[in-house]
Amino acid sequence: MSTLLVILFFGGWLAPTPFITKILGFFLIPIYTFPILPYITKCTLFSPIFWFLVKLNSSLFFFIWVRAAFPRYRYDQLMSLGWKVFLPFSLMFLLVVAGLLFAFDAMPTRL
C-alpha cells in the first residue's frame, strides 16, 4: 500500500524539489573526503532509489504510527460516526461554501 501511495501520489522516485539535493549535497561534502567511501558520489547518494526509499519509509512510518496510536473502531461505531458527525458536518460545509459563493458573487455561471 505504501509503495502504491508513493508511486501514484507522492511523485515516485523524483526528488521533492530540485534544490533539496543541492542543499543536502552541500552539507554532505565532508563525507566525500573520507577515504573509506571513495565510490559514493552525489549521483548515487541522491539517486531515484534513495528518494523512493525515503518516501516509502516515511509513509510506512505514518501508517504504523496511526495504526498504533488510534483504537480500532467497530462497524456500529463507524456507522454512528458517519451518520451523526460526518453527514451533518458535510451538509453544513456545503451550505457555508454555497453561502460564501453567493455572498461574494462568485457563483459559477454557464457559458
C-alpha atoms as a PDB file:
ATOM      1  CA  MET A   1       0.000   0.000   0.000  1.00  0.00           C
ATOM      2  CA  SER A   2       2.819   2.386   0.805  1.00  0.00           C
ATOM      3  CA  THR A   3       4.515   1.600  -2.492  1.00  0.00           C
ATOM      4  CA  LEU A   4       1.354   2.388  -4.448  1.00  0.00           C
ATOM      5  CA  LEU A   5       0.879   5.568  -2.411  1.00  0.00           C
ATOM      6  CA  VAL A   6       4.397   6.732  -3.205  1.00  0.00           C
ATOM      7  CA  ILE A   7       4.188   5.863  -6.901  1.00  0.00           C
ATOM      8  CA  LEU A   8       0.715   7.277  -7.553  1.00  0.00           C
ATOM      9  CA  PHE A   9       0.559  10.329  -5.277  1.00  0.00           C
ATOM     10  CA  PHE A  10       3.998  11.330  -3.961  1.00  0.00           C
ATOM     11  CA  GLY A  11       5.964  11.542  -7.191  1.00  0.00           C
ATOM     12  CA  GLY A  12       7.544   8.100  -7.012  1.00  0.00           C
ATOM     13  CA  TRP A  13      11.307   8.277  -7.456  1.00  0.00           C
ATOM     14  CA  LEU A  14      11.551  12.033  -8.080  1.00  0.00           C
ATOM     15  CA  ALA A  15      13.086  14.391  -5.550  1.00  0.00           C
ATOM     16  CA  PRO A  16      10.520  16.501  -3.668  1.00  0.00           C
ATOM     17  CA  THR A  17      12.056  19.698  -5.049  1.00  0.00           C
ATOM     18  CA  PRO A  18      15.153  20.113  -7.205  1.00  0.00           C
ATOM     19  CA  PHE A  19      17.018  22.313  -4.739  1.00  0.00           C
ATOM     20  CA  ILE A  20      16.823  19.788  -1.891  1.00  0.00           C
ATOM     21  CA  THR A  21      19.515  17.639  -3.493  1.00  0.00           C
ATOM     22  CA  LYS A  22      21.754  20.695  -3.821  1.00  0.00           C
ATOM     23  CA  ILE A  23      21.215  21.664  -0.167  1.00  0.00           C
ATOM     24  CA  LEU A  24      21.810  18.133   1.096  1.00  0.00           C
ATOM     25  CA  GLY A  25      24.830  17.789  -1.166  1.00  0.00           C
ATOM     26  CA  PHE A  26      26.275  20.996   0.288  1.00  0.00           C
ATOM     27  CA  PHE A  27      26.002  19.685   3.848  1.00  0.00           C
ATOM     28  CA  LEU A  28      27.358  16.241   2.923  1.00  0.00           C
ATOM     29  CA  ILE A  29      30.505  17.476   1.151  1.00  0.00           C
ATOM     30  CA  PRO A  30      32.784  16.398   4.070  1.00  0.00           C
ATOM     31  CA  ILE A  31      31.533  12.803   3.645  1.00  0.00           C
ATOM     32  CA  TYR A  32      33.092  12.660   0.192  1.00  0.00           C
ATOM     33  CA  THR A  33      36.557  13.405   1.591  1.00  0.00           C
ATOM     34  CA  PHE A  34      36.679  10.163   3.616  1.00  0.00           C
ATOM     35  CA  PRO A  35      38.920   7.559   2.013  1.00  0.00           C
ATOM     36  CA  ILE A  36      36.572   4.843   3.290  1.00  0.00           C
ATOM     37  CA  LEU A  37      33.816   5.928   0.910  1.00  0.00           C
ATOM     38  CA  PRO A  38      35.579   6.543  -2.400  1.00  0.00           C
ATOM     39  CA  TYR A  39      32.786   5.158  -4.546  1.00  0.00           C
ATOM     40  CA  ILE A  40      29.939   7.286  -3.191  1.00  0.00           C
ATOM     41  CA  THR A  41      29.178  10.230  -5.409  1.00  0.00           C
ATOM     42  CA  LYS A  42      26.396  12.755  -5.374  1.00  0.00           C
ATOM     43  CA  CYS A  43      24.681  10.875  -8.188  1.00  0.00           C
ATOM     44  CA  THR A  44      24.451   7.619  -6.262  1.00  0.00           C
ATOM     45  CA  LEU A  45      23.717   9.192  -2.885  1.00  0.00           C
ATOM     46  CA  PHE A  46      20.678  11.074  -4.146  1.00  0.00           C
ATOM     47  CA  SER A  47      19.579   8.629  -6.771  1.00  0.00           C
ATOM     48  CA  PRO A  48      15.927   7.945  -7.557  1.00  0.00           C
ATOM     49  CA  ILE A  49      16.137   4.797  -5.420  1.00  0.00           C
ATOM     50  CA  PHE A  50      17.168   6.941  -2.443  1.00  0.00           C
ATOM     51  CA  TRP A  51      14.164   9.273  -2.804  1.00  0.00           C
ATOM     52  CA  PHE A  52      11.793   6.372  -3.382  1.00  0.00           C
ATOM     53  CA  LEU A  53      13.004   4.628  -0.221  1.00  0.00           C
ATOM     54  CA  VAL A  54      12.788   7.829   1.834  1.00  0.00           C
ATOM     55  CA  LYS A  55       9.185   8.371   0.756  1.00  0.00           C
ATOM     56  CA  LEU A  56       8.356   4.698   1.237  1.00  0.00           C
ATOM     57  CA  ASN A  57       9.797   4.612   4.760  1.00  0.00           C
ATOM     58  CA  SER A  58       8.035   7.804   5.774  1.00  0.00           C
ATOM     59  CA  SER A  59       4.667   6.527   4.553  1.00  0.00           C
ATOM     60  CA  LEU A  60       5.251   3.169   6.289  1.00  0.00           C
ATOM     61  CA  PHE A  61       6.110   5.029   9.498  1.00  0.00           C
ATOM     62  CA  PHE A  62       2.929   7.090   9.194  1.00  0.00           C
ATOM     63  CA  PHE A  63       0.728   4.020   8.611  1.00  0.00           C
ATOM     64  CA  ILE A  64       2.249   2.113  11.526  1.00  0.00           C
ATOM     65  CA  TRP A  65       2.076   5.150  13.783  1.00  0.00           C
ATOM     66  CA  VAL A  66      -1.619   5.778  13.054  1.00  0.00           C
ATOM     67  CA  ARG A  67      -2.409   2.080  13.497  1.00  0.00           C
ATOM     68  CA  ALA A  68      -0.695   2.011  16.897  1.00  0.00           C
ATOM     69  CA  ALA A  69      -1.939   5.376  18.141  1.00  0.00           C
ATOM     70  CA  PHE A  70      -5.660   5.147  17.444  1.00  0.00           C
ATOM     71  CA  PRO A  71      -8.065   2.448  18.564  1.00  0.00           C
ATOM     72  CA  ARG A  72      -9.842   0.238  16.094  1.00  0.00           C
ATOM     73  CA  TYR A  73     -13.487   1.156  15.553  1.00  0.00           C
ATOM     74  CA  ARG A  74     -16.244  -1.423  15.388  1.00  0.00           C
ATOM     75  CA  TYR A  75     -18.702  -1.377  12.489  1.00  0.00           C
ATOM     76  CA  ASP A  76     -21.526   0.125  14.588  1.00  0.00           C
ATOM     77  CA  GLN A  77     -19.198   2.868  15.833  1.00  0.00           C
ATOM     78  CA  LEU A  78     -18.196   3.733  12.267  1.00  0.00           C
ATOM     79  CA  MET A  79     -21.842   3.901  11.170  1.00  0.00           C
ATOM     80  CA  SER A  80     -22.706   6.115  14.126  1.00  0.00           C
ATOM     81  CA  LEU A  81     -19.749   8.374  13.416  1.00  0.00           C
ATOM     82  CA  GLY A  82     -20.722   8.655   9.760  1.00  0.00           C
ATOM     83  CA  TRP A  83     -24.395   9.433  10.351  1.00  0.00           C
ATOM     84  CA  LYS A  84     -24.073  11.618  13.455  1.00  0.00           C
ATOM     85  CA  VAL A  85     -20.842  13.504  12.749  1.00  0.00           C
ATOM     86  CA  PHE A  86     -19.676  13.357   9.134  1.00  0.00           C
ATOM     87  CA  LEU A  87     -23.032  13.752   7.376  1.00  0.00           C
ATOM     88  CA  PRO A  88     -24.109  16.886   9.336  1.00  0.00           C
ATOM     89  CA  PHE A  89     -20.612  18.329   9.018  1.00  0.00           C
ATOM     90  CA  SER A  90     -20.527  17.815   5.243  1.00  0.00           C
ATOM     91  CA  LEU A  91     -24.014  19.336   4.803  1.00  0.00           C
ATOM     92  CA  MET A  92     -23.027  22.322   6.945  1.00  0.00           C
ATOM     93  CA  PHE A  93     -19.827  22.741   4.926  1.00  0.00           C
ATOM     94  CA  LEU A  94     -21.836  22.587   1.692  1.00  0.00           C
ATOM     95  CA  LEU A  95     -24.145  25.355   2.928  1.00  0.00           C
ATOM     96  CA  VAL A  96     -21.218  27.517   4.096  1.00  0.00           C
ATOM     97  CA  VAL A  97     -19.412  27.241   0.753  1.00  0.00           C
ATOM     98  CA  ALA A  98     -22.597  27.941  -1.197  1.00  0.00           C
ATOM     99  CA  GLY A  99     -23.348  30.924   1.049  1.00  0.00           C
ATOM    100  CA  LEU A 100     -19.862  32.352   0.599  1.00  0.00           C
ATOM    101  CA  LEU A 101     -20.029  31.924  -3.152  1.00  0.00           C
ATOM    102  CA  PHE A 102     -23.421  33.636  -3.230  1.00  0.00           C
ATOM    103  CA  ALA A 103     -22.356  36.442  -0.852  1.00  0.00           C
ATOM    104  CA  PHE A 104     -19.240  37.325  -2.842  1.00  0.00           C
ATOM    105  CA  ASP A 105     -20.981  36.952  -6.205  1.00  0.00           C
ATOM    106  CA  ALA A 106     -18.686  34.116  -7.236  1.00  0.00           C
ATOM    107  CA  MET A 107     -21.299  31.584  -8.266  1.00  0.00           C
ATOM    108  CA  PRO A 108     -20.295  29.621 -11.360  1.00  0.00           C
ATOM    109  CA  THR A 109     -22.253  30.560 -14.452  1.00  0.00           C
ATOM    110  CA  ARG A 110     -22.974  28.793 -17.699  1.00  0.00           C
ATOM    111  CA  LEU A 111     -21.185  29.882 -20.831  1.00  0.00           C
END
